[in-house]
Amino acid sequence: MMGGGTMMLGIGSLMMLLVVGLAILLIVAVIVGAIALLKRPAAQVFPPPMQATQKSVPVVMPARYCSHCGEGLQAEWTHCPKCGAPIEAK
């Protein structure tokens, strides 16, 4: 009779250790996971913001062209920036 009681006490102790051990493992896993998240760079934790689309810039056609090389010229230029030829006033 004494052996059966001791066996029940031993199984009860093992069950208690199992329940307490699982609780401790769960707490350790949560702490390790939280530390891993805190060590990550913010770019990995949060997705990057959406990239803004580039607005199109209107293309301005030159009002004048160089008579020597055909380069486009601005109105206030007196010499061609490509070939250096003087610009004839119109």
PDB file of N, CA and C in Angstrom:
ATOM      1  N   MET A   1       0.803  -1.191   0.000  1.00  0.00           N
ATOM      2  CA  MET A   1       0.000   0.000   0.000  1.00  0.00           C
ATOM      3  C   MET A   1       0.849   1.260   0.000  1.00  0.00           C
ATOM      4  N   MET A   2       1.934   1.177   0.648  1.00  0.00           N
ATOM      5  CA  MET A   2       2.776   2.344   0.732  1.00  0.00           C
ATOM      6  C   MET A   2       3.390   2.686  -0.618  1.00  0.00           C
ATOM      7  N   GLY A   3       3.679   1.708  -1.427  1.00  0.00           N
ATOM      8  CA  GLY A   3       4.303   1.934  -2.723  1.00  0.00           C
ATOM      9  C   GLY A   3       3.373   2.671  -3.671  1.00  0.00           C
ATOM     10  N   GLY A   4       2.069   2.381  -3.606  1.00  0.00           N
ATOM     11  CA  GLY A   4       1.114   3.039  -4.488  1.00  0.00           C
ATOM     12  C   GLY A   4       0.964   4.506  -4.177  1.00  0.00           C
ATOM     13  N   GLY A   5       1.013   4.865  -2.919  1.00  0.00           N
ATOM     14  CA  GLY A   5       0.892   6.269  -2.530  1.00  0.00           C
ATOM     15  C   GLY A   5       2.100   7.081  -2.960  1.00  0.00           C
ATOM     16  N   THR A   6       3.256   6.455  -2.866  1.00  0.00           N
ATOM     17  CA  THR A   6       4.483   7.126  -3.270  1.00  0.00           C
ATOM     18  C   THR A   6       4.499   7.347  -4.772  1.00  0.00           C
ATOM     19  N   MET A   7       3.957   6.372  -5.492  1.00  0.00           N
ATOM     20  CA  MET A   7       3.900   6.495  -6.948  1.00  0.00           C
ATOM     21  C   MET A   7       2.985   7.652  -7.352  1.00  0.00           C
ATOM     22  N   MET A   8       1.874   7.814  -6.704  1.00  0.00           N
ATOM     23  CA  MET A   8       0.946   8.899  -7.007  1.00  0.00           C
ATOM     24  C   MET A   8       1.587  10.248  -6.676  1.00  0.00           C
ATOM     25  N   LEU A   9       2.320  10.284  -5.583  1.00  0.00           N
ATOM     26  CA  LEU A   9       2.997  11.512  -5.200  1.00  0.00           C
ATOM     27  C   LEU A   9       4.076  11.863  -6.227  1.00  0.00           C
ATOM     28  N   GLY A  10       4.764  10.868  -6.753  1.00  0.00           N
ATOM     29  CA  GLY A  10       5.790  11.096  -7.767  1.00  0.00           C
ATOM     30  C   GLY A  10       5.203  11.600  -9.072  1.00  0.00           C
ATOM     31  N   ILE A  11       4.073  11.044  -9.507  1.00  0.00           N
ATOM     32  CA  ILE A  11       3.416  11.493 -10.740  1.00  0.00           C
ATOM     33  C   ILE A  11       2.889  12.909 -10.562  1.00  0.00           C
ATOM     34  N   GLY A  12       2.365  13.211  -9.386  1.00  0.00           N
ATOM     35  CA  GLY A  12       1.882  14.570  -9.118  1.00  0.00           C
ATOM     36  C   GLY A  12       3.007  15.582  -9.179  1.00  0.00           C
ATOM     37  N   SER A  13       4.154  15.220  -8.669  1.00  0.00           N
ATOM     38  CA  SER A  13       5.314  16.124  -8.709  1.00  0.00           C
ATOM     39  C   SER A  13       5.787  16.339 -10.138  1.00  0.00           C
ATOM     40  N   LEU A  14       5.784  15.271 -10.931  1.00  0.00           N
ATOM     41  CA  LEU A  14       6.181  15.408 -12.335  1.00  0.00           C
ATOM     42  C   LEU A  14       5.206  16.299 -13.104  1.00  0.00           C
ATOM     43  N   MET A  15       3.928  16.157 -12.853  1.00  0.00           N
ATOM     44  CA  MET A  15       2.931  17.001 -13.526  1.00  0.00           C
ATOM     45  C   MET A  15       3.105  18.462 -13.123  1.00  0.00           C
ATOM     46  N   MET A  16       3.385  18.697 -11.848  1.00  0.00           N
ATOM     47  CA  MET A  16       3.607  20.060 -11.385  1.00  0.00           C
ATOM     48  C   MET A  16       4.844  20.661 -12.063  1.00  0.00           C
ATOM     49  N   LEU A  17       5.909  19.893 -12.161  1.00  0.00           N
ATOM     50  CA  LEU A  17       7.114  20.378 -12.836  1.00  0.00           C
ATOM     51  C   LEU A  17       6.856  20.648 -14.317  1.00  0.00           C
ATOM     52  N   LEU A  18       6.055  19.800 -14.949  1.00  0.00           N
ATOM     53  CA  LEU A  18       5.727  19.975 -16.356  1.00  0.00           C
ATOM     54  C   LEU A  18       4.940  21.260 -16.578  1.00  0.00           C
ATOM     55  N   VAL A  19       3.932  21.504 -15.750  1.00  0.00           N
ATOM     56  CA  VAL A  19       3.104  22.715 -15.891  1.00  0.00           C
ATOM     57  C   VAL A  19       3.931  23.961 -15.612  1.00  0.00           C
ATOM     58  N   VAL A  20       4.707  23.954 -14.557  1.00  0.00           N
ATOM     59  CA  VAL A  20       5.545  25.108 -14.221  1.00  0.00           C
ATOM     60  C   VAL A  20       6.625  25.304 -15.284  1.00  0.00           C
ATOM     61  N   GLY A  21       7.205  24.218 -15.772  1.00  0.00           N
ATOM     62  CA  GLY A  21       8.234  24.311 -16.807  1.00  0.00           C
ATOM     63  C   GLY A  21       7.696  24.892 -18.102  1.00  0.00           C
ATOM     64  N   LEU A  22       6.490  24.488 -18.499  1.00  0.00           N
ATOM     65  CA  LEU A  22       5.886  25.054 -19.713  1.00  0.00           C
ATOM     66  C   LEU A  22       5.608  26.542 -19.551  1.00  0.00           C
ATOM     67  N   ALA A  23       5.152  26.944 -18.376  1.00  0.00           N
ATOM     68  CA  ALA A  23       4.903  28.368 -18.129  1.00  0.00           C
ATOM     69  C   ALA A  23       6.200  29.162 -18.215  1.00  0.00           C
ATOM     70  N   ILE A  24       7.263  28.623 -17.635  1.00  0.00           N
ATOM     71  CA  ILE A  24       8.557  29.319 -17.690  1.00  0.00           C
ATOM     72  C   ILE A  24       9.069  29.390 -19.126  1.00  0.00           C
ATOM     73  N   LEU A  25       8.947  28.316 -19.901  1.00  0.00           N
ATOM     74  CA  LEU A  25       9.370  28.338 -21.303  1.00  0.00           C
ATOM     75  C   LEU A  25       8.576  29.349 -22.118  1.00  0.00           C
ATOM     76  N   LEU A  26       7.282  29.467 -21.853  1.00  0.00           N
ATOM     77  CA  LEU A  26       6.458  30.443 -22.567  1.00  0.00           C
ATOM     78  C   LEU A  26       6.905  31.865 -22.255  1.00  0.00           C
ATOM     79  N   ILE A  27       7.179  32.147 -20.995  1.00  0.00           N
ATOM     80  CA  ILE A  27       7.636  33.484 -20.606  1.00  0.00           C
ATOM     81  C   ILE A  27       8.988  33.796 -21.243  1.00  0.00           C
ATOM     82  N   VAL A  28       9.902  32.850 -21.251  1.00  0.00           N
ATOM     83  CA  VAL A  28      11.221  33.063 -21.862  1.00  0.00           C
ATOM     84  C   VAL A  28      11.079  33.301 -23.367  1.00  0.00           C
ATOM     85  N   ALA A  29      10.198  32.551 -24.024  1.00  0.00           N
ATOM     86  CA  ALA A  29      10.001  32.730 -25.469  1.00  0.00           C
ATOM     87  C   ALA A  29       9.450  34.116 -25.780  1.00  0.00           C
ATOM     88  N   VAL A  30       8.526  34.615 -24.977  1.00  0.00           N
ATOM     89  CA  VAL A  30       7.976  35.961 -25.194  1.00  0.00           C
ATOM     90  C   VAL A  30       9.056  37.017 -24.995  1.00  0.00           C
ATOM     91  N   ILE A  31       9.887  36.866 -23.989  1.00  0.00           N
ATOM     92  CA  ILE A  31      10.951  37.843 -23.732  1.00  0.00           C
ATOM     93  C   ILE A  31      11.979  37.832 -24.862  1.00  0.00           C
ATOM     94  N   VAL A  32      12.381  36.663 -25.317  1.00  0.00           N
ATOM     95  CA  VAL A  32      13.359  36.572 -26.416  1.00  0.00           C
ATOM     96  C   VAL A  32      12.777  37.168 -27.693  1.00  0.00           C
ATOM     97  N   GLY A  33      11.514  36.916 -27.965  1.00  0.00           N
ATOM     98  CA  GLY A  33      10.871  37.497 -29.153  1.00  0.00           C
ATOM     99  C   GLY A  33      10.803  39.010 -29.084  1.00  0.00           C
ATOM    100  N   ALA A  34      10.486  39.551 -27.899  1.00  0.00           N
ATOM    101  CA  ALA A  34      10.427  41.003 -27.740  1.00  0.00           C
ATOM    102  C   ALA A  34      11.806  41.625 -27.931  1.00  0.00           C
ATOM    103  N   ILE A  35      12.843  40.999 -27.415  1.00  0.00           N
ATOM    104  CA  ILE A  35      14.205  41.518 -27.582  1.00  0.00           C
ATOM    105  C   ILE A  35      14.611  41.482 -29.054  1.00  0.00           C
ATOM    106  N   ALA A  36      14.250  40.419 -29.755  1.00  0.00           N
ATOM    107  CA  ALA A  36      14.589  40.319 -31.181  1.00  0.00           C
ATOM    108  C   ALA A  36      13.890  41.415 -31.982  1.00  0.00           C
ATOM    109  N   LEU A  37      12.645  41.734 -31.637  1.00  0.00           N
ATOM    110  CA  LEU A  37      11.937  42.800 -32.346  1.00  0.00           C
ATOM    111  C   LEU A  37      12.544  44.165 -32.056  1.00  0.00           C
ATOM    112  N   LEU A  38      12.990  44.371 -30.834  1.00  0.00           N
ATOM    113  CA  LEU A  38      13.574  45.670 -30.484  1.00  0.00           C
ATOM    114  C   LEU A  38      14.931  45.886 -31.133  1.00  0.00           C
ATOM    115  N   LYS A  39      15.664  44.826 -31.416  1.00  0.00           N
ATOM    116  CA  LYS A  39      16.988  44.955 -32.032  1.00  0.00           C
ATOM    117  C   LYS A  39      16.916  45.149 -33.533  1.00  0.00           C
ATOM    118  N   ARG A  40      15.776  44.875 -34.140  1.00  0.00           N
ATOM    119  CA  ARG A  40      15.637  45.044 -35.595  1.00  0.00           C
ATOM    120  C   ARG A  40      15.617  46.517 -35.964  1.00  0.00           C
ATOM    121  N   PRO A  41      16.152  46.871 -37.135  1.00  0.00           N
ATOM    122  CA  PRO A  41      16.006  48.248 -37.626  1.00  0.00           C
ATOM    123  C   PRO A  41      14.536  48.538 -37.918  1.00  0.00           C
ATOM    124  N   ALA A  42      14.176  49.805 -37.836  1.00  0.00           N
ATOM    125  CA  ALA A  42      12.777  50.195 -38.032  1.00  0.00           C
ATOM    126  C   ALA A  42      12.291  49.838 -39.434  1.00  0.00           C
ATOM    127  N   ALA A  43      13.190  49.800 -40.414  1.00  0.00           N
ATOM    128  CA  ALA A  43      12.783  49.493 -41.789  1.00  0.00           C
ATOM    129  C   ALA A  43      12.287  48.059 -41.916  1.00  0.00           C
ATOM    130  N   GLN A  44      12.766  47.147 -41.077  1.00  0.00           N
ATOM    131  CA  GLN A  44      12.327  45.769 -41.152  1.00  0.00           C
ATOM    132  C   GLN A  44      11.036  45.549 -40.375  1.00  0.00           C
ATOM    133  N   VAL A  45      10.796  46.351 -39.336  1.00  0.00           N
ATOM    134  CA  VAL A  45       9.592  46.193 -38.533  1.00  0.00           C
ATOM    135  C   VAL A  45       8.408  46.817 -39.245  1.00  0.00           C
ATOM    136  N   PHE A  46       8.582  48.019 -39.780  1.00  0.00           N
ATOM    137  CA  PHE A  46       7.511  48.730 -40.465  1.00  0.00           C
ATOM    138  C   PHE A  46       7.816  48.758 -41.959  1.00  0.00           C
ATOM    139  N   PRO A  47       6.808  48.607 -42.808  1.00  0.00           N
ATOM    140  CA  PRO A  47       7.060  48.659 -44.250  1.00  0.00           C
ATOM    141  C   PRO A  47       7.467  50.069 -44.677  1.00  0.00           C
ATOM    142  N   PRO A  48       8.262  50.184 -45.736  1.00  0.00           N
ATOM    143  CA  PRO A  48       8.677  51.518 -46.192  1.00  0.00           C
ATOM    144  C   PRO A  48       7.482  52.289 -46.726  1.00  0.00           C
ATOM    145  N   PRO A  49       7.506  53.613 -46.620  1.00  0.00           N
ATOM    146  CA  PRO A  49       6.395  54.408 -47.133  1.00  0.00           C
ATOM    147  C   PRO A  49       6.317  54.317 -48.656  1.00  0.00           C
ATOM    148  N   MET A  50       5.149  54.556 -49.178  1.00  0.00           N
ATOM    149  CA  MET A  50       4.939  54.508 -50.629  1.00  0.00           C
ATOM    150  C   MET A  50       5.756  55.612 -51.295  1.00  0.00           C
ATOM    151  N   GLN A  51       6.396  55.283 -52.397  1.00  0.00           N
ATOM    152  CA  GLN A  51       7.180  56.264 -53.142  1.00  0.00           C
ATOM    153  C   GLN A  51       6.247  57.174 -53.916  1.00  0.00           C
ATOM    154  N   ALA A  52       6.504  58.463 -53.842  1.00  0.00           N
ATOM    155  CA  ALA A  52       5.701  59.418 -54.609  1.00  0.00           C
ATOM    156  C   ALA A  52       6.090  59.314 -56.081  1.00  0.00           C
ATOM    157  N   THR A  53       5.112  59.408 -56.939  1.00  0.00           N
ATOM    158  CA  THR A  53       5.410  59.353 -58.366  1.00  0.00           C
ATOM    159  C   THR A  53       6.038  60.668 -58.804  1.00  0.00           C
ATOM    160  N   GLN A  54       6.970  60.569 -59.720  1.00  0.00           N
ATOM    161  CA  GLN A  54       7.669  61.746 -60.202  1.00  0.00           C
ATOM    162  C   GLN A  54       6.756  62.515 -61.150  1.00  0.00           C
ATOM    163  N   LYS A  55       6.644  63.812 -60.907  1.00  0.00           N
ATOM    164  CA  LYS A  55       5.810  64.649 -61.768  1.00  0.00           C
ATOM    165  C   LYS A  55       6.576  64.963 -63.053  1.00  0.00           C
ATOM    166  N   SER A  56       5.847  64.996 -64.141  1.00  0.00           N
ATOM    167  CA  SER A  56       6.500  65.277 -65.412  1.00  0.00           C
ATOM    168  C   SER A  56       6.799  66.772 -65.529  1.00  0.00           C
ATOM    169  N   VAL A  57       7.966  67.080 -66.054  1.00  0.00           N
ATOM    170  CA  VAL A  57       8.397  68.456 -66.246  1.00  0.00           C
ATOM    171  C   VAL A  57       8.145  68.814 -67.703  1.00  0.00           C
ATOM    172  N   PRO A  58       7.477  69.934 -67.946  1.00  0.00           N
ATOM    173  CA  PRO A  58       7.218  70.300 -69.339  1.00  0.00           C
ATOM    174  C   PRO A  58       8.519  70.597 -70.092  1.00  0.00           C
ATOM    175  N   VAL A  59       8.597  70.164 -71.314  1.00  0.00           N
ATOM    176  CA  VAL A  59       9.769  70.383 -72.152  1.00  0.00           C
ATOM    177  C   VAL A  59       9.598  71.706 -72.889  1.00  0.00           C
ATOM    178  N   VAL A  60      10.589  72.579 -72.738  1.00  0.00           N
ATOM    179  CA  VAL A  60      10.540  73.893 -73.396  1.00  0.00           C
ATOM    180  C   VAL A  60      11.397  73.830 -74.652  1.00  0.00           C
ATOM    181  N   MET A  61      10.819  74.123 -75.757  1.00  0.00           N
ATOM    182  CA  MET A  61      11.551  74.133 -77.025  1.00  0.00           C
ATOM    183  C   MET A  61      12.251  75.484 -77.165  1.00  0.00           C
ATOM    184  N   PRO A  62      13.502  75.491 -77.637  1.00  0.00           N
ATOM    185  CA  PRO A  62      14.221  76.759 -77.784  1.00  0.00           C
ATOM    186  C   PRO A  62      13.586  77.630 -78.876  1.00  0.00           C
ATOM    187  N   ALA A  63      13.660  78.943 -78.636  1.00  0.00           N
ATOM    188  CA  ALA A  63      13.085  79.896 -79.593  1.00  0.00           C
ATOM    189  C   ALA A  63      14.028  80.127 -80.774  1.00  0.00           C
ATOM    190  N   ARG A  64      15.347  79.946 -80.555  1.00  0.00           N
ATOM    191  CA  ARG A  64      16.322  80.183 -81.628  1.00  0.00           C
ATOM    192  C   ARG A  64      17.287  79.016 -81.707  1.00  0.00           C
ATOM    193  N   TYR A  65      17.958  78.903 -82.859  1.00  0.00           N
ATOM    194  CA  TYR A  65      18.956  77.858 -83.080  1.00  0.00           C
ATOM    195  C   TYR A  65      20.202  78.501 -83.665  1.00  0.00           C
ATOM    196  N   CYS A  66      21.357  77.898 -83.355  1.00  0.00           N
ATOM    197  CA  CYS A  66      22.622  78.391 -83.886  1.00  0.00           C
ATOM    198  C   CYS A  66      22.672  78.098 -85.390  1.00  0.00           C
ATOM    199  N   SER A  67      23.094  79.102 -86.159  1.00  0.00           N
ATOM    200  CA  SER A  67      23.167  78.925 -87.613  1.00  0.00           C
ATOM    201  C   SER A  67      24.379  78.077 -88.023  1.00  0.00           C
ATOM    202  N   HIS A  68      25.358  77.898 -87.107  1.00  0.00           N
ATOM    203  CA  HIS A  68      26.544  77.120 -87.431  1.00  0.00           C
ATOM    204  C   HIS A  68      26.392  75.631 -87.076  1.00  0.00           C
ATOM    205  N   CYS A  69      25.914  75.354 -85.854  1.00  0.00           N
ATOM    206  CA  CYS A  69      25.866  73.952 -85.412  1.00  0.00           C
ATOM    207  C   CYS A  69      24.449  73.438 -85.168  1.00  0.00           C
ATOM    208  N   GLY A  70      23.468  74.326 -85.128  1.00  0.00           N
ATOM    209  CA  GLY A  70      22.085  73.899 -84.934  1.00  0.00           C
ATOM    210  C   GLY A  70      21.675  73.718 -83.478  1.00  0.00           C
ATOM    211  N   GLU A  71      22.521  74.082 -82.532  1.00  0.00           N
ATOM    212  CA  GLU A  71      22.216  73.966 -81.104  1.00  0.00           C
ATOM    213  C   GLU A  71      21.095  74.932 -80.742  1.00  0.00           C
ATOM    214  N   GLY A  72      20.183  74.499 -79.848  1.00  0.00           N
ATOM    215  CA  GLY A  72      19.119  75.373 -79.370  1.00  0.00           C
ATOM    216  C   GLY A  72      19.675  76.473 -78.484  1.00  0.00           C
ATOM    217  N   LEU A  73      19.126  77.671 -78.604  1.00  0.00           N
ATOM    218  CA  LEU A  73      19.639  78.836 -77.882  1.00  0.00           C
ATOM    219  C   LEU A  73      18.535  79.509 -77.082  1.00  0.00           C
ATOM    220  N   GLN A  74      18.922  80.091 -75.952  1.00  0.00           N
ATOM    221  CA  GLN A  74      17.982  80.912 -75.195  1.00  0.00           C
ATOM    222  C   GLN A  74      17.998  82.319 -75.765  1.00  0.00           C
ATOM    223  N   ALA A  75      16.939  83.069 -75.471  1.00  0.00           N
ATOM    224  CA  ALA A  75      16.769  84.389 -76.093  1.00  0.00           C
ATOM    225  C   ALA A  75      17.870  85.371 -75.705  1.00  0.00           C
ATOM    226  N   GLU A  76      18.391  85.293 -74.479  1.00  0.00           N
ATOM    227  CA  GLU A  76      19.368  86.290 -74.032  1.00  0.00           C
ATOM    228  C   GLU A  76      20.814  85.942 -74.374  1.00  0.00           C
ATOM    229  N   TRP A  77      21.085  84.802 -74.963  1.00  0.00           N
ATOM    230  CA  TRP A  77      22.448  84.396 -75.283  1.00  0.00           C
ATOM    231  C   TRP A  77      22.974  85.176 -76.488  1.00  0.00           C
ATOM    232  N   THR A  78      24.260  85.538 -76.414  1.00  0.00           N
ATOM    233  CA  THR A  78      24.887  86.263 -77.527  1.00  0.00           C
ATOM    234  C   THR A  78      25.860  85.370 -78.291  1.00  0.00           C
ATOM    235  N   HIS A  79      26.266  84.229 -77.683  1.00  0.00           N
ATOM    236  CA  HIS A  79      27.161  83.279 -78.331  1.00  0.00           C
ATOM    237  C   HIS A  79      26.633  81.864 -78.102  1.00  0.00           C
ATOM    238  N   CYS A  80      26.889  80.974 -79.035  1.00  0.00           N
ATOM    239  CA  CYS A  80      26.466  79.580 -78.929  1.00  0.00           C
ATOM    240  C   CYS A  80      27.316  78.876 -77.874  1.00  0.00           C
ATOM    241  N   PRO A  81      26.705  78.136 -76.911  1.00  0.00           N
ATOM    242  CA  PRO A  81      27.504  77.462 -75.912  1.00  0.00           C
ATOM    243  C   PRO A  81      28.233  76.233 -76.446  1.00  0.00           C
ATOM    244  N   LYS A  82      27.807  75.699 -77.577  1.00  0.00           N
ATOM    245  CA  LYS A  82      28.435  74.512 -78.126  1.00  0.00           C
ATOM    246  C   LYS A  82      29.643  74.835 -79.026  1.00  0.00           C
ATOM    247  N   CYS A  83      29.452  75.758 -79.972  1.00  0.00           N
ATOM    248  CA  CYS A  83      30.543  76.054 -80.904  1.00  0.00           C
ATOM    249  C   CYS A  83      31.188  77.418 -80.676  1.00  0.00           C
ATOM    250  N   GLY A  84      30.553  78.301 -79.884  1.00  0.00           N
ATOM    251  CA  GLY A  84      31.130  79.610 -79.577  1.00  0.00           C
ATOM    252  C   GLY A  84      30.896  80.671 -80.646  1.00  0.00           C
ATOM    253  N   ALA A  85      30.121  80.350 -81.648  1.00  0.00           N
ATOM    254  CA  ALA A  85      29.871  81.325 -82.727  1.00  0.00           C
ATOM    255  C   ALA A  85      28.970  82.455 -82.218  1.00  0.00           C
ATOM    256  N   PRO A  86      29.214  83.681 -82.641  1.00  0.00           N
ATOM    257  CA  PRO A  86      28.329  84.781 -82.247  1.00  0.00           C
ATOM    258  C   PRO A  86      26.946  84.594 -82.856  1.00  0.00           C
ATOM    259  N   ILE A  87      25.942  84.996 -82.113  1.00  0.00           N
ATOM    260  CA  ILE A  87      24.549  84.836 -82.537  1.00  0.00           C
ATOM    261  C   ILE A  87      24.101  86.114 -83.235  1.00  0.00           C
ATOM    262  N   GLU A  88      23.498  85.942 -84.374  1.00  0.00           N
ATOM    263  CA  GLU A  88      22.999  87.101 -85.108  1.00  0.00           C
ATOM    264  C   GLU A  88      21.678  87.534 -84.506  1.00  0.00           C
ATOM    265  N   ALA A  89      21.555  88.821 -84.221  1.00  0.00           N
ATOM    266  CA  ALA A  89      20.326  89.362 -83.646  1.00  0.00           C
ATOM    267  C   ALA A  89      19.252  89.402 -84.724  1.00  0.00           C
ATOM    268  N   LYS A  90      18.035  89.039 -84.363  1.00  0.00           N
ATOM    269  CA  LYS A  90      16.921  89.071 -85.323  1.00  0.00           C
ATOM    270  C   LYS A  90      15.994  90.200 -85.027  1.00  0.00           C
TER     271      LYS A  90
END
